[in-house]
Amino acid sequence: MAQPAYLIPNAWAGSWKDWREEVVSVIRAGFPEVLQDIDEEDIDWEAWRSLFERGHSPESAVDQAFVRIVEV
């Protein structure tokens, strides 16, 4: 059954800088038709910080931010 991705946090042990870089990569890969040219400076990181602090992986954070549903 499909479950909202925000219910599936994955532990992230990397740095804030590494996490942000990975979020950008995940966004580019997941939304290439509209967000291929997005860069770190295009993102409001303060809005994402709580996801990092709660240990969400970049993939889980993107899923939550874009309200994507993942299969489990």
PDB file of N, CA and C in Angstrom:
ATOM      1  N   MET A   1       0.834  -1.182   0.000  1.00  0.00           N
ATOM      2  CA  MET A   1       0.000   0.000   0.000  1.00  0.00           C
ATOM      3  C   MET A   1       0.878   1.245   0.000  1.00  0.00           C
ATOM      4  N   ALA A   2       0.476   2.267  -0.745  1.00  0.00           N
ATOM      5  CA  ALA A   2       1.234   3.512  -0.812  1.00  0.00           C
ATOM      6  C   ALA A   2       1.118   4.253   0.513  1.00  0.00           C
ATOM      7  N   GLN A   3       2.207   4.890   0.878  1.00  0.00           N
ATOM      8  CA  GLN A   3       2.263   5.617   2.137  1.00  0.00           C
ATOM      9  C   GLN A   3       2.962   6.947   1.891  1.00  0.00           C
ATOM     10  N   PRO A   4       2.501   8.025   2.497  1.00  0.00           N
ATOM     11  CA  PRO A   4       3.207   9.301   2.313  1.00  0.00           C
ATOM     12  C   PRO A   4       4.661   9.167   2.741  1.00  0.00           C
ATOM     13  N   ALA A   5       5.553   9.689   1.924  1.00  0.00           N
ATOM     14  CA  ALA A   5       6.986   9.557   2.194  1.00  0.00           C
ATOM     15  C   ALA A   5       7.393  10.196   3.507  1.00  0.00           C
ATOM     16  N   TYR A   6       6.684  11.235   3.935  1.00  0.00           N
ATOM     17  CA  TYR A   6       7.082  11.900   5.170  1.00  0.00           C
ATOM     18  C   TYR A   6       6.900  11.008   6.391  1.00  0.00           C
ATOM     19  N   LEU A   7       6.222   9.891   6.243  1.00  0.00           N
ATOM     20  CA  LEU A   7       6.084   8.947   7.346  1.00  0.00           C
ATOM     21  C   LEU A   7       7.240   7.954   7.395  1.00  0.00           C
ATOM     22  N   ILE A   8       8.162   8.063   6.450  1.00  0.00           N
ATOM     23  CA  ILE A   8       9.259   7.107   6.331  1.00  0.00           C
ATOM     24  C   ILE A   8      10.603   7.835   6.420  1.00  0.00           C
ATOM     25  N   PRO A   9      10.961   8.359   7.577  1.00  0.00           N
ATOM     26  CA  PRO A   9      12.253   9.034   7.666  1.00  0.00           C
ATOM     27  C   PRO A   9      13.399   8.028   7.605  1.00  0.00           C
ATOM     28  N   ASN A  10      14.455   8.410   6.957  1.00  0.00           N
ATOM     29  CA  ASN A  10      15.666   7.592   6.900  1.00  0.00           C
ATOM     30  C   ASN A  10      16.757   8.378   7.596  1.00  0.00           C
ATOM     31  N   ALA A  11      17.487   7.737   8.453  1.00  0.00           N
ATOM     32  CA  ALA A  11      18.538   8.425   9.194  1.00  0.00           C
ATOM     33  C   ALA A  11      19.595   8.979   8.246  1.00  0.00           C
ATOM     34  N   TRP A  12      20.024  10.170   8.515  1.00  0.00           N
ATOM     35  CA  TRP A  12      21.071  10.806   7.719  1.00  0.00           C
ATOM     36  C   TRP A  12      22.177  11.203   8.675  1.00  0.00           C
ATOM     37  N   ALA A  13      23.372  10.707   8.434  1.00  0.00           N
ATOM     38  CA  ALA A  13      24.481  10.962   9.344  1.00  0.00           C
ATOM     39  C   ALA A  13      25.480  11.967   8.770  1.00  0.00           C
ATOM     40  N   GLY A  14      25.229  12.446   7.561  1.00  0.00           N
ATOM     41  CA  GLY A  14      26.159  13.372   6.920  1.00  0.00           C
ATOM     42  C   GLY A  14      26.011  14.798   7.417  1.00  0.00           C
ATOM     43  N   SER A  15      26.820  15.669   6.863  1.00  0.00           N
ATOM     44  CA  SER A  15      26.812  17.080   7.260  1.00  0.00           C
ATOM     45  C   SER A  15      25.671  17.829   6.574  1.00  0.00           C
ATOM     46  N   TRP A  16      25.366  18.997   7.097  1.00  0.00           N
ATOM     47  CA  TRP A  16      24.336  19.876   6.532  1.00  0.00           C
ATOM     48  C   TRP A  16      24.693  20.233   5.087  1.00  0.00           C
ATOM     49  N   LYS A  17      25.963  20.529   4.831  1.00  0.00           N
ATOM     50  CA  LYS A  17      26.415  20.872   3.479  1.00  0.00           C
ATOM     51  C   LYS A  17      26.202  19.698   2.528  1.00  0.00           C
ATOM     52  N   ASP A  18      26.604  18.498   2.933  1.00  0.00           N
ATOM     53  CA  ASP A  18      26.431  17.307   2.090  1.00  0.00           C
ATOM     54  C   ASP A  18      24.950  17.023   1.847  1.00  0.00           C
ATOM     55  N   TRP A  19      24.150  17.201   2.878  1.00  0.00           N
ATOM     56  CA  TRP A  19      22.710  16.953   2.772  1.00  0.00           C
ATOM     57  C   TRP A  19      22.088  17.889   1.746  1.00  0.00           C
ATOM     58  N   ARG A  20      22.443  19.176   1.812  1.00  0.00           N
ATOM     59  CA  ARG A  20      21.907  20.151   0.849  1.00  0.00           C
ATOM     60  C   ARG A  20      22.303  19.785  -0.580  1.00  0.00           C
ATOM     61  N   GLU A  21      23.549  19.407  -0.780  1.00  0.00           N
ATOM     62  CA  GLU A  21      24.003  19.024  -2.121  1.00  0.00           C
ATOM     63  C   GLU A  21      23.215  17.825  -2.642  1.00  0.00           C
ATOM     64  N   GLU A  22      22.958  16.870  -1.766  1.00  0.00           N
ATOM     65  CA  GLU A  22      22.201  15.686  -2.164  1.00  0.00           C
ATOM     66  C   GLU A  22      20.740  16.028  -2.452  1.00  0.00           C
ATOM     67  N   VAL A  23      20.155  16.930  -1.672  1.00  0.00           N
ATOM     68  CA  VAL A  23      18.777  17.369  -1.942  1.00  0.00           C
ATOM     69  C   VAL A  23      18.686  17.954  -3.348  1.00  0.00           C
ATOM     70  N   VAL A  24      19.631  18.792  -3.717  1.00  0.00           N
ATOM     71  CA  VAL A  24      19.635  19.381  -5.064  1.00  0.00           C
ATOM     72  C   VAL A  24      19.716  18.277  -6.118  1.00  0.00           C
ATOM     73  N   SER A  25      20.567  17.294  -5.899  1.00  0.00           N
ATOM     74  CA  SER A  25      20.692  16.179  -6.848  1.00  0.00           C
ATOM     75  C   SER A  25      19.392  15.390  -6.967  1.00  0.00           C
ATOM     76  N   VAL A  26      18.741  15.145  -5.836  1.00  0.00           N
ATOM     77  CA  VAL A  26      17.481  14.393  -5.833  1.00  0.00           C
ATOM     78  C   VAL A  26      16.395  15.186  -6.564  1.00  0.00           C
ATOM     79  N   ILE A  27      16.337  16.485  -6.331  1.00  0.00           N
ATOM     80  CA  ILE A  27      15.346  17.318  -7.019  1.00  0.00           C
ATOM     81  C   ILE A  27      15.588  17.293  -8.526  1.00  0.00           C
ATOM     82  N   ARG A  28      16.836  17.460  -8.930  1.00  0.00           N
ATOM     83  CA  ARG A  28      17.155  17.446 -10.366  1.00  0.00           C
ATOM     84  C   ARG A  28      16.770  16.116 -11.009  1.00  0.00           C
ATOM     85  N   ALA A  29      17.057  15.023 -10.328  1.00  0.00           N
ATOM     86  CA  ALA A  29      16.757  13.699 -10.870  1.00  0.00           C
ATOM     87  C   ALA A  29      15.258  13.405 -10.869  1.00  0.00           C
ATOM     88  N   GLY A  30      14.566  13.880  -9.855  1.00  0.00           N
ATOM     89  CA  GLY A  30      13.154  13.565  -9.716  1.00  0.00           C
ATOM     90  C   GLY A  30      12.221  14.431 -10.535  1.00  0.00           C
ATOM     91  N   PHE A  31      12.685  15.615 -10.897  1.00  0.00           N
ATOM     92  CA  PHE A  31      11.848  16.565 -11.633  1.00  0.00           C
ATOM     93  C   PHE A  31      12.634  17.187 -12.792  1.00  0.00           C
ATOM     94  N   PRO A  32      13.236  16.359 -13.649  1.00  0.00           N
ATOM     95  CA  PRO A  32      14.122  16.895 -14.688  1.00  0.00           C
ATOM     96  C   PRO A  32      13.421  17.801 -15.698  1.00  0.00           C
ATOM     97  N   GLU A  33      12.136  17.572 -15.912  1.00  0.00           N
ATOM     98  CA  GLU A  33      11.421  18.368 -16.905  1.00  0.00           C
ATOM     99  C   GLU A  33      11.188  19.810 -16.468  1.00  0.00           C
ATOM    100  N   VAL A  34      11.234  20.068 -15.161  1.00  0.00           N
ATOM    101  CA  VAL A  34      10.966  21.433 -14.689  1.00  0.00           C
ATOM    102  C   VAL A  34      12.044  22.010 -13.776  1.00  0.00           C
ATOM    103  N   LEU A  35      12.859  21.181 -13.155  1.00  0.00           N
ATOM    104  CA  LEU A  35      13.821  21.685 -12.170  1.00  0.00           C
ATOM    105  C   LEU A  35      15.260  21.234 -12.432  1.00  0.00           C
ATOM    106  N   GLN A  36      15.594  20.927 -13.663  1.00  0.00           N
ATOM    107  CA  GLN A  36      16.935  20.448 -13.999  1.00  0.00           C
ATOM    108  C   GLN A  36      18.016  21.490 -13.699  1.00  0.00           C
ATOM    109  N   ASP A  37      17.681  22.758 -13.810  1.00  0.00           N
ATOM    110  CA  ASP A  37      18.678  23.826 -13.640  1.00  0.00           C
ATOM    111  C   ASP A  37      18.708  24.417 -12.239  1.00  0.00           C
ATOM    112  N   ILE A  38      18.039  23.796 -11.288  1.00  0.00           N
ATOM    113  CA  ILE A  38      18.018  24.319  -9.925  1.00  0.00           C
ATOM    114  C   ILE A  38      19.405  24.212  -9.289  1.00  0.00           C
ATOM    115  N   ASP A  39      19.761  25.220  -8.510  1.00  0.00           N
ATOM    116  CA  ASP A  39      21.036  25.238  -7.791  1.00  0.00           C
ATOM    117  C   ASP A  39      20.766  25.453  -6.314  1.00  0.00           C
ATOM    118  N   GLU A  40      21.802  25.265  -5.503  1.00  0.00           N
ATOM    119  CA  GLU A  40      21.643  25.432  -4.046  1.00  0.00           C
ATOM    120  C   GLU A  40      21.117  26.810  -3.675  1.00  0.00           C
ATOM    121  N   GLU A  41      21.560  27.833  -4.373  1.00  0.00           N
ATOM    122  CA  GLU A  41      21.137  29.192  -4.021  1.00  0.00           C
ATOM    123  C   GLU A  41      19.675  29.472  -4.386  1.00  0.00           C
ATOM    124  N   ASP A  42      19.041  28.575  -5.122  1.00  0.00           N
ATOM    125  CA  ASP A  42      17.636  28.732  -5.486  1.00  0.00           C
ATOM    126  C   ASP A  42      16.679  28.214  -4.410  1.00  0.00           C
ATOM    127  N   ILE A  43      17.215  27.572  -3.391  1.00  0.00           N
ATOM    128  CA  ILE A  43      16.386  26.908  -2.384  1.00  0.00           C
ATOM    129  C   ILE A  43      16.419  27.671  -1.066  1.00  0.00           C
ATOM    130  N   ASP A  44      15.265  27.790  -0.441  1.00  0.00           N
ATOM    131  CA  ASP A  44      15.148  28.408   0.883  1.00  0.00           C
ATOM    132  C   ASP A  44      15.504  27.347   1.922  1.00  0.00           C
ATOM    133  N   TRP A  45      16.776  27.273   2.293  1.00  0.00           N
ATOM    134  CA  TRP A  45      17.250  26.193   3.159  1.00  0.00           C
ATOM    135  C   TRP A  45      16.689  26.255   4.568  1.00  0.00           C
ATOM    136  N   GLU A  46      16.320  27.411   5.033  1.00  0.00           N
ATOM    137  CA  GLU A  46      15.718  27.485   6.370  1.00  0.00           C
ATOM    138  C   GLU A  46      14.407  26.707   6.416  1.00  0.00           C
ATOM    139  N   ALA A  47      13.703  26.664   5.305  1.00  0.00           N
ATOM    140  CA  ALA A  47      12.450  25.903   5.241  1.00  0.00           C
ATOM    141  C   ALA A  47      12.710  24.398   5.258  1.00  0.00           C
ATOM    142  N   TRP A  48      13.893  23.983   4.874  1.00  0.00           N
ATOM    143  CA  TRP A  48      14.253  22.562   4.821  1.00  0.00           C
ATOM    144  C   TRP A  48      15.001  22.106   6.068  1.00  0.00           C
ATOM    145  N   ARG A  49      15.525  23.028   6.836  1.00  0.00           N
ATOM    146  CA  ARG A  49      16.410  22.697   7.960  1.00  0.00           C
ATOM    147  C   ARG A  49      15.792  21.707   8.954  1.00  0.00           C
ATOM    148  N   SER A  50      14.507  21.847   9.237  1.00  0.00           N
ATOM    149  CA  SER A  50      13.889  20.951  10.222  1.00  0.00           C
ATOM    150  C   SER A  50      13.894  19.498   9.738  1.00  0.00           C
ATOM    151  N   LEU A  51      13.787  19.287   8.448  1.00  0.00           N
ATOM    152  CA  LEU A  51      13.848  17.913   7.921  1.00  0.00           C
ATOM    153  C   LEU A  51      15.226  17.315   8.153  1.00  0.00           C
ATOM    154  N   PHE A  52      16.255  18.110   7.942  1.00  0.00           N
ATOM    155  CA  PHE A  52      17.626  17.665   8.206  1.00  0.00           C
ATOM    156  C   PHE A  52      17.807  17.360   9.692  1.00  0.00           C
ATOM    157  N   GLU A  53      17.331  18.267  10.541  1.00  0.00           N
ATOM    158  CA  GLU A  53      17.515  18.098  11.980  1.00  0.00           C
ATOM    159  C   GLU A  53      16.759  16.892  12.522  1.00  0.00           C
ATOM    160  N   ARG A  54      15.674  16.499  11.873  1.00  0.00           N
ATOM    161  CA  ARG A  54      14.926  15.311  12.300  1.00  0.00           C
ATOM    162  C   ARG A  54      15.509  14.031  11.716  1.00  0.00           C
ATOM    163  N   GLY A  55      16.579  14.140  10.936  1.00  0.00           N
ATOM    164  CA  GLY A  55      17.268  12.963  10.425  1.00  0.00           C
ATOM    165  C   GLY A  55      16.751  12.421   9.116  1.00  0.00           C
ATOM    166  N   HIS A  56      15.911  13.164   8.426  1.00  0.00           N
ATOM    167  CA  HIS A  56      15.414  12.695   7.130  1.00  0.00           C
ATOM    168  C   HIS A  56      16.557  12.621   6.129  1.00  0.00           C
ATOM    169  N   SER A  57      16.540  11.595   5.324  1.00  0.00           N
ATOM    170  CA  SER A  57      17.478  11.528   4.219  1.00  0.00           C
ATOM    171  C   SER A  57      17.081  12.590   3.206  1.00  0.00           C
ATOM    172  N   PRO A  58      17.974  12.974   2.310  1.00  0.00           N
ATOM    173  CA  PRO A  58      17.594  13.915   1.256  1.00  0.00           C
ATOM    174  C   PRO A  58      16.404  13.419   0.433  1.00  0.00           C
ATOM    175  N   GLU A  59      16.365  12.129   0.148  1.00  0.00           N
ATOM    176  CA  GLU A  59      15.262  11.562  -0.632  1.00  0.00           C
ATOM    177  C   GLU A  59      13.937  11.706   0.108  1.00  0.00           C
ATOM    178  N   SER A  60      13.935  11.384   1.382  1.00  0.00           N
ATOM    179  CA  SER A  60      12.731  11.496   2.195  1.00  0.00           C
ATOM    180  C   SER A  60      12.291  12.951   2.319  1.00  0.00           C
ATOM    181  N   ALA A  61      13.246  13.861   2.466  1.00  0.00           N
ATOM    182  CA  ALA A  61      12.920  15.281   2.577  1.00  0.00           C
ATOM    183  C   ALA A  61      12.282  15.802   1.291  1.00  0.00           C
ATOM    184  N   VAL A  62      12.819  15.404   0.150  1.00  0.00           N
ATOM    185  CA  VAL A  62      12.246  15.824  -1.136  1.00  0.00           C
ATOM    186  C   VAL A  62      10.849  15.233  -1.289  1.00  0.00           C
ATOM    187  N   ASP A  63      10.697  13.976  -0.936  1.00  0.00           N
ATOM    188  CA  ASP A  63       9.371  13.349  -1.018  1.00  0.00           C
ATOM    189  C   ASP A  63       8.360  14.123  -0.178  1.00  0.00           C
ATOM    190  N   GLN A  64       8.754  14.498   1.010  1.00  0.00           N
ATOM    191  CA  GLN A  64       7.847  15.246   1.887  1.00  0.00           C
ATOM    192  C   GLN A  64       7.583  16.642   1.340  1.00  0.00           C
ATOM    193  N   ALA A  65       8.615  17.330   0.915  1.00  0.00           N
ATOM    194  CA  ALA A  65       8.467  18.703   0.440  1.00  0.00           C
ATOM    195  C   ALA A  65       7.578  18.777  -0.807  1.00  0.00           C
ATOM    196  N   PHE A  66       7.683  17.762  -1.650  1.00  0.00           N
ATOM    197  CA  PHE A  66       6.899  17.745  -2.885  1.00  0.00           C
ATOM    198  C   PHE A  66       5.676  16.824  -2.766  1.00  0.00           C
ATOM    199  N   VAL A  67       5.403  16.353  -1.563  1.00  0.00           N
ATOM    200  CA  VAL A  67       4.259  15.493  -1.240  1.00  0.00           C
ATOM    201  C   VAL A  67       4.166  14.337  -2.243  1.00  0.00           C
ATOM    202  N   ARG A  68       5.289  13.638  -2.381  1.00  0.00           N
ATOM    203  CA  ARG A  68       5.308  12.458  -3.237  1.00  0.00           C
ATOM    204  C   ARG A  68       4.927  11.242  -2.407  1.00  0.00           C
ATOM    205  N   ILE A  69       4.250  10.317  -3.024  1.00  0.00           N
ATOM    206  CA  ILE A  69       3.850   9.060  -2.389  1.00  0.00           C
ATOM    207  C   ILE A  69       4.823   7.986  -2.854  1.00  0.00           C
ATOM    208  N   VAL A  70       5.325   7.194  -1.895  1.00  0.00           N
ATOM    209  CA  VAL A  70       6.230   6.098  -2.248  1.00  0.00           C
ATOM    210  C   VAL A  70       5.609   4.778  -1.852  1.00  0.00           C
ATOM    211  N   GLU A  71       5.961   3.752  -2.566  1.00  0.00           N
ATOM    212  CA  GLU A  71       5.451   2.402  -2.262  1.00  0.00           C
ATOM    213  C   GLU A  71       6.363   1.762  -1.220  1.00  0.00           C
ATOM    214  N   VAL A  72       5.747   1.096  -0.235  1.00  0.00           N
ATOM    215  CA  VAL A  72       6.505   0.356   0.780  1.00  0.00           C
ATOM    216  C   VAL A  72       6.043  -1.072   0.837  1.00  0.00           C
TER     217      VAL A  72
END
